[in-house]
C-alpha atoms as a PDB file:
ATOM      1  CA  MET A   1     -20.384   9.434   0.923  1.00  0.00           C
ATOM      2  CA  PRO A   2     -17.183   8.414  -0.939  1.00  0.00           C
ATOM      3  CA  GLN A   3     -16.635   9.933  -4.349  1.00  0.00           C
ATOM      4  CA  SER A   4     -15.984   7.671  -7.323  1.00  0.00           C
ATOM      5  CA  SER A   5     -12.503   9.208  -7.633  1.00  0.00           C
ATOM      6  CA  ASP A   6     -11.490   7.918  -4.197  1.00  0.00           C
ATOM      7  CA  PHE A   7      -8.711   5.331  -4.276  1.00  0.00           C
ATOM      8  CA  GLU A   8      -5.907   3.835  -2.235  1.00  0.00           C
ATOM      9  CA  ILE A   9      -2.756   1.982  -3.250  1.00  0.00           C
ATOM     10  CA  ALA A  10      -1.904  -0.907  -0.943  1.00  0.00           C
ATOM     11  CA  LEU A  11       1.806  -0.787  -0.129  1.00  0.00           C
ATOM     12  CA  ASN A  12       4.035  -2.824   2.156  1.00  0.00           C
ATOM     13  CA  LEU A  13       5.776   0.017   3.943  1.00  0.00           C
ATOM     14  CA  CYS A  14       9.509  -0.188   4.551  1.00  0.00           C
ATOM     15  CA  GLU A  15      10.102   1.407   7.932  1.00  0.00           C
ATOM     16  CA  GLN A  16      12.495   4.264   8.492  1.00  0.00           C
ATOM     17  CA  ASP A  17      15.124   4.007  11.199  1.00  0.00           C
ATOM     18  CA  ALA A  18      14.676   7.297  13.048  1.00  0.00           C
ATOM     19  CA  ASP A  19      18.372   7.744  13.767  1.00  0.00           C
ATOM     20  CA  LYS A  20      19.578   7.038  10.219  1.00  0.00           C
ATOM     21  CA  LEU A  21      17.773   9.858   8.379  1.00  0.00           C
ATOM     22  CA  ASP A  22      16.674   7.266   5.820  1.00  0.00           C
ATOM     23  CA  CYS A  23      13.123   8.328   5.017  1.00  0.00           C
ATOM     24  CA  VAL A  24      13.998   8.688   1.314  1.00  0.00           C
ATOM     25  CA  PRO A  25      15.539   5.190   0.950  1.00  0.00           C
ATOM     26  CA  ALA A  26      12.595   3.738   2.920  1.00  0.00           C
ATOM     27  CA  CYS A  27      10.163   5.432   0.519  1.00  0.00           C
ATOM     28  CA  ILE A  28      12.170   4.349  -2.545  1.00  0.00           C
ATOM     29  CA  LYS A  29      12.242   0.743  -1.306  1.00  0.00           C
ATOM     30  CA  THR A  30       8.486   0.807  -0.689  1.00  0.00           C
ATOM     31  CA  VAL A  31       7.673   2.247  -4.130  1.00  0.00           C
ATOM     32  CA  LEU A  32      10.166  -0.021  -5.924  1.00  0.00           C
ATOM     33  CA  ASP A  33       8.684  -3.096  -4.215  1.00  0.00           C
ATOM     34  CA  HIS A  34       5.240  -1.952  -5.368  1.00  0.00           C
ATOM     35  CA  VAL A  35       6.108  -1.498  -9.053  1.00  0.00           C
ATOM     36  CA  HIS A  36       8.716  -4.271  -9.358  1.00  0.00           C
ATOM     37  CA  PRO A  37       8.290  -6.775  -6.480  1.00  0.00           C
ATOM     38  CA  GLU A  38      11.094  -9.078  -7.608  1.00  0.00           C
ATOM     39  CA  ASN A  39      13.731  -6.290  -7.541  1.00  0.00           C
ATOM     40  CA  GLY A  40      15.950  -7.815  -4.817  1.00  0.00           C
ATOM     41  CA  VAL A  41      17.299  -4.433  -3.688  1.00  0.00           C
ATOM     42  CA  SER A  42      17.553  -3.775   0.060  1.00  0.00           C
ATOM     43  CA  LYS A  43      17.024  -0.438   1.793  1.00  0.00           C
ATOM     44  CA  GLU A  44      20.698  -0.503   2.823  1.00  0.00           C
ATOM     45  CA  GLU A  45      21.758  -0.866  -0.837  1.00  0.00           C
ATOM     46  CA  ILE A  46      19.486   2.034  -1.783  1.00  0.00           C
ATOM     47  CA  MET A  47      21.067   4.129   0.992  1.00  0.00           C
ATOM     48  CA  LYS A  48      24.478   3.543  -0.597  1.00  0.00           C
ATOM     49  CA  MET A  49      23.175   4.224  -4.124  1.00  0.00           C
ATOM     50  CA  VAL A  50      21.733   7.612  -3.149  1.00  0.00           C
ATOM     51  CA  GLY A  51      24.437   8.541  -0.628  1.00  0.00           C
ATOM     52  CA  THR A  52      22.220   8.807   2.438  1.00  0.00           C
ATOM     53  CA  SER A  53      24.237   9.912   5.466  1.00  0.00           C
ATOM     54  CA  LYS A  54      24.032  11.934   8.632  1.00  0.00           C
ATOM     55  CA  ASN A  55      26.738  14.220   7.226  1.00  0.00           C
ATOM     56  CA  ALA A  56      24.457  15.062   4.293  1.00  0.00           C
ATOM     57  CA  PHE A  57      21.462  15.364   6.666  1.00  0.00           C
ATOM     58  CA  GLY A  58      19.750  12.527   4.796  1.00  0.00           C
ATOM     59  CA  THR A  59      19.576  12.177   1.014  1.00  0.00           C
ATOM     60  CA  ARG A  60      20.277  14.732  -1.705  1.00  0.00           C
ATOM     61  CA  LEU A  61      18.052  14.715  -4.792  1.00  0.00           C
ATOM     62  CA  SER A  62      21.122  15.098  -7.005  1.00  0.00           C
ATOM     63  CA  ASN A  63      22.084  11.489  -6.193  1.00  0.00           C
ATOM     64  CA  PHE A  64      19.205   9.968  -8.189  1.00  0.00           C
ATOM     65  CA  VAL A  65      21.195   9.662 -11.411  1.00  0.00           C
ATOM     66  CA  ASN A  66      23.408   7.120  -9.631  1.00  0.00           C
ATOM     67  CA  LEU A  67      20.348   5.231  -8.336  1.00  0.00           C
ATOM     68  CA  ASN A  68      18.789   4.970 -11.798  1.00  0.00           C
ATOM     69  CA  ARG A  69      22.044   3.820 -13.375  1.00  0.00           C
ATOM     70  CA  LYS A  70      22.435   1.051 -10.795  1.00  0.00           C
ATOM     71  CA  LEU A  71      18.806  -0.061 -11.110  1.00  0.00           C
ATOM     72  CA  LEU A  72      19.146  -0.342 -14.882  1.00  0.00           C
ATOM     73  CA  LYS A  73      22.374  -2.339 -14.501  1.00  0.00           C
ATOM     74  CA  ARG A  74      20.345  -4.790 -12.423  1.00  0.00           C
ATOM     75  CA  LYS A  75      17.778  -4.931 -15.242  1.00  0.00           C
ATOM     76  CA  ILE A  76      15.136  -3.168 -13.144  1.00  0.00           C
ATOM     77  CA  PRO A  77      13.284  -1.176 -15.833  1.00  0.00           C
ATOM     78  CA  PHE A  78      12.202   1.751 -13.671  1.00  0.00           C
ATOM     79  CA  ALA A  79      13.667   5.174 -13.046  1.00  0.00           C
ATOM     80  CA  PHE A  80      13.091   7.785 -10.374  1.00  0.00           C
ATOM     81  CA  GLU A  81      12.738  11.334 -11.708  1.00  0.00           C
ATOM     82  CA  THR A  82      12.950  14.635  -9.921  1.00  0.00           C
ATOM     83  CA  PRO A  83      11.496  17.628 -11.746  1.00  0.00           C
ATOM     84  CA  ASP A  84      13.816  20.610 -12.034  1.00  0.00           C
ATOM     85  CA  LYS A  85      13.266  23.540  -9.698  1.00  0.00           C
ATOM     86  CA  TYR A  86      10.954  25.373 -12.130  1.00  0.00           C
ATOM     87  CA  GLU A  87       8.826  22.285 -12.800  1.00  0.00           C
ATOM     88  CA  SER A  88       8.578  21.609  -9.058  1.00  0.00           C
ATOM     89  CA  GLN A  89       7.193  25.086  -8.487  1.00  0.00           C
ATOM     90  CA  ILE A  90       4.394  24.585 -11.017  1.00  0.00           C
ATOM     91  CA  THR A  91       3.565  20.957 -10.136  1.00  0.00           C
ATOM     92  CA  LYS A  92       0.100  20.892  -8.610  1.00  0.00           C
ATOM     93  CA  TRP A  93      -1.077  18.467  -5.991  1.00  0.00           C
ATOM     94  CA  GLU A  94      -3.619  17.186  -8.527  1.00  0.00           C
ATOM     95  CA  LYS A  95      -0.655  15.917 -10.619  1.00  0.00           C
ATOM     96  CA  ILE A  96       0.639  14.077  -7.557  1.00  0.00           C
ATOM     97  CA  VAL A  97      -2.767  12.426  -7.051  1.00  0.00           C
ATOM     98  CA  GLU A  98      -2.995  11.581 -10.773  1.00  0.00           C
ATOM     99  CA  GLU A  99       0.379   9.786 -10.683  1.00  0.00           C
ATOM    100  CA  ALA A 100      -0.716   7.766  -7.656  1.00  0.00           C
ATOM    101  CA  ALA A 101      -4.065   6.934  -9.320  1.00  0.00           C
ATOM    102  CA  ASN A 102      -2.081   5.546 -12.271  1.00  0.00           C
ATOM    103  CA  GLY A 103      -0.283   3.132  -9.922  1.00  0.00           C
ATOM    104  CA  PHE A 104       2.958   5.089  -9.566  1.00  0.00           C
ATOM    105  CA  PRO A 105       2.947   6.506  -6.026  1.00  0.00           C
ATOM    106  CA  PRO A 106       5.033   9.712  -5.865  1.00  0.00           C
ATOM    107  CA  ILE A 107       7.403  10.503  -3.040  1.00  0.00           C
ATOM    108  CA  CYS A 108       6.907  14.035  -1.740  1.00  0.00           C
ATOM    109  CA  PHE A 109       9.098  16.069   0.551  1.00  0.00           C
ATOM    110  CA  VAL A 110       7.163  17.905   3.221  1.00  0.00           C
ATOM    111  CA  ASN A 111       7.761  19.855   6.388  1.00  0.00           C
ATOM    112  CA  ARG A 112       6.721  17.128   8.812  1.00  0.00           C
ATOM    113  CA  GLU A 113       5.882  19.665  11.517  1.00  0.00           C
ATOM    114  CA  THR A 114       3.463  21.544   9.242  1.00  0.00           C
ATOM    115  CA  LEU A 115       1.867  18.267   8.135  1.00  0.00           C
ATOM    116  CA  LYS A 116       1.323  17.300  11.781  1.00  0.00           C
ATOM    117  CA  GLY A 117      -0.317  20.684  12.385  1.00  0.00           C
ATOM    118  CA  ASN A 118       2.580  22.117  14.400  1.00  0.00           C
ATOM    119  CA  ASN A 119       4.340  25.454  14.060  1.00  0.00           C
ATOM    120  CA  ARG A 120       5.732  25.925  10.531  1.00  0.00           C
ATOM    121  CA  GLU A 121       8.830  27.519  12.068  1.00  0.00           C
ATOM    122  CA  ASP A 122       9.835  24.078  13.406  1.00  0.00           C
ATOM    123  CA  TYR A 123      11.224  22.874  10.074  1.00  0.00           C
ATOM    124  CA  ASN A 124      11.713  19.136   9.569  1.00  0.00           C
ATOM    125  CA  SER A 125      12.103  17.997   5.933  1.00  0.00           C
ATOM    126  CA  HIS A 126      10.707  14.516   5.489  1.00  0.00           C
ATOM    127  CA  ALA A 127       9.728  12.132   2.666  1.00  0.00           C
ATOM    128  CA  ILE A 128       6.267  10.561   2.428  1.00  0.00           C
ATOM    129  CA  ILE A 129       4.491   8.466  -0.210  1.00  0.00           C
ATOM    130  CA  ILE A 130       1.191   9.597  -1.734  1.00  0.00           C
ATOM    131  CA  VAL A 131      -1.099   6.554  -1.881  1.00  0.00           C
ATOM    132  CA  GLY A 132      -4.598   7.797  -2.493  1.00  0.00           C
ATOM    133  CA  LYS A 133      -7.439  10.230  -2.256  1.00  0.00           C
ATOM    134  CA  LEU A 134     -10.501  10.401  -0.031  1.00  0.00           C
ATOM    135  CA  GLY A 135     -12.900  13.121  -1.092  1.00  0.00           C
ATOM    136  CA  GLU A 136     -10.686  16.188  -1.434  1.00  0.00           C
ATOM    137  CA  ASN A 137      -8.078  14.851   0.988  1.00  0.00           C
ATOM    138  CA  ILE A 138      -4.769  13.176   0.216  1.00  0.00           C
ATOM    139  CA  LYS A 139      -3.868   9.796   1.687  1.00  0.00           C
ATOM    140  CA  TYR A 140      -0.207   9.196   2.407  1.00  0.00           C
ATOM    141  CA  ARG A 141       2.139   6.750   4.082  1.00  0.00           C
ATOM    142  CA  ASP A 142       4.898   7.961   6.365  1.00  0.00           C
ATOM    143  CA  PRO A 143       7.844   5.560   6.823  1.00  0.00           C
ATOM    144  CA  LEU A 144       8.459   7.010  10.285  1.00  0.00           C
ATOM    145  CA  ILE A 145       4.934   6.434  11.582  1.00  0.00           C
ATOM    146  CA  LEU A 146       3.280   3.069  11.451  1.00  0.00           C
ATOM    147  CA  VAL A 147      -0.268   3.313  12.699  1.00  0.00           C
ATOM    148  CA  GLU A 148      -1.813  -0.079  13.461  1.00  0.00           C
ATOM    149  CA  ASN A 149      -5.270   0.868  12.264  1.00  0.00           C
ATOM    150  CA  ASP A 150      -5.944   1.692   8.621  1.00  0.00           C
ATOM    151  CA  LYS A 151      -2.634   0.169   7.458  1.00  0.00           C
ATOM    152  CA  GLY A 152      -0.704   3.250   8.556  1.00  0.00           C
ATOM    153  CA  ILE A 153      -2.607   5.539   6.208  1.00  0.00           C
ATOM    154  CA  GLN A 154      -2.480   9.212   7.143  1.00  0.00           C
ATOM    155  CA  ILE A 155      -4.854  11.823   5.717  1.00  0.00           C
ATOM    156  CA  ALA A 156      -4.167  15.492   4.993  1.00  0.00           C
ATOM    157  CA  THR A 157      -6.399  18.228   3.666  1.00  0.00           C
ATOM    158  CA  PRO A 158      -5.231  19.872   0.430  1.00  0.00           C
ATOM    159  CA  GLN A 159      -4.360  23.034   2.382  1.00  0.00           C
ATOM    160  CA  LYS A 160      -2.320  21.202   5.025  1.00  0.00           C
ATOM    161  CA  PHE A 161      -0.531  19.114   2.371  1.00  0.00           C
ATOM    162  CA  ASN A 162       0.191  22.127   0.143  1.00  0.00           C
ATOM    163  CA  ASN A 163       1.535  24.140   3.093  1.00  0.00           C
ATOM    164  CA  ALA A 164       3.817  21.282   4.198  1.00  0.00           C
ATOM    165  CA  TRP A 165       4.907  20.572   0.606  1.00  0.00           C
ATOM    166  CA  SER A 166       5.514  24.259  -0.183  1.00  0.00           C
ATOM    167  CA  ASP A 167       7.747  24.553   2.888  1.00  0.00           C
ATOM    168  CA  THR A 168      10.227  22.211   1.126  1.00  0.00           C
ATOM    169  CA  GLY A 169      10.073  23.861  -2.292  1.00  0.00           C
ATOM    170  CA  ARG A 170       7.454  21.391  -3.593  1.00  0.00           C
ATOM    171  CA  SER A 171      10.072  18.685  -4.158  1.00  0.00           C
ATOM    172  CA  VAL A 172       8.742  15.427  -5.539  1.00  0.00           C
ATOM    173  CA  ILE A 173      10.121  12.173  -6.921  1.00  0.00           C
ATOM    174  CA  PHE A 174       8.175  10.351  -9.624  1.00  0.00           C
ATOM    175  CA  ILE A 175       8.787   6.761 -10.666  1.00  0.00           C
ATOM    176  CA  ARG A 176       8.555   5.912 -14.338  1.00  0.00           C
ATOM    177  CA  LYS A 177       8.847   2.778 -16.389  1.00  0.00           C
ATOM    178  CA  ALA A 178      12.149   3.178 -18.202  1.00  0.00           C
ATOM    179  CA  ASP A 179      11.643   3.276 -21.957  1.00  0.00           C
ATOM    180  CA  LYS A 180      13.133   0.496 -24.079  1.00  0.00           C
ATOM    181  CA  GLN A 181      15.911   2.701 -25.471  1.00  0.00           C
ATOM    182  CA  THR A 182      17.070   3.725 -21.985  1.00  0.00           C
ATOM    183  CA  VAL A 183      17.249   0.070 -20.947  1.00  0.00           C
ATOM    184  CA  LEU A 184      19.136  -0.862 -24.147  1.00  0.00           C
ATOM    185  CA  ASP A 185      21.598   2.014 -23.691  1.00  0.00           C
ATOM    186  CA  HIS A 186      22.471   0.738 -20.215  1.00  0.00           C
ATOM    187  CA  GLU A 187      22.933  -2.844 -21.374  1.00  0.00           C
ATOM    188  CA  ARG A 188      25.827  -1.903 -23.685  1.00  0.00           C
END
């Protein structure tokens, strides 16, 4: 029987191109379209903003300052935040679920192999979007896997999610509504 705390955010998933290592831009595009549908930013533009490349093996978290600056210049009042290393270590999966329940789906970095139930030694860092909760389990969307049934929703137990998330240092990206002062500062 579903618990009253069960929920699911409906997202239009931007697909990842497997050969471009663009799971992060695909997730950013998906989340940005959810919180600000009229943003007009393409996945290709996001790839340039965050410096996604094969040489960098995807996207570096340090490139998010550039993304936020460019979004604010376009008058898109949202910012993506990455907790520092210490904060990431103490962030609990309950915080991730809470953010999603508030309508701001977090992007989490996981070891895709661990999440799929494969050997943890086969490391494959990958970005997913947390979209809900079912009982104790986490619901997520993976830009690399589109499953025709259930709108591409994947489900992971807390243990499986925590193991996969811990393998990547518990990295997470939160989206926040930019405060008025931040927007004003960027308009000058």
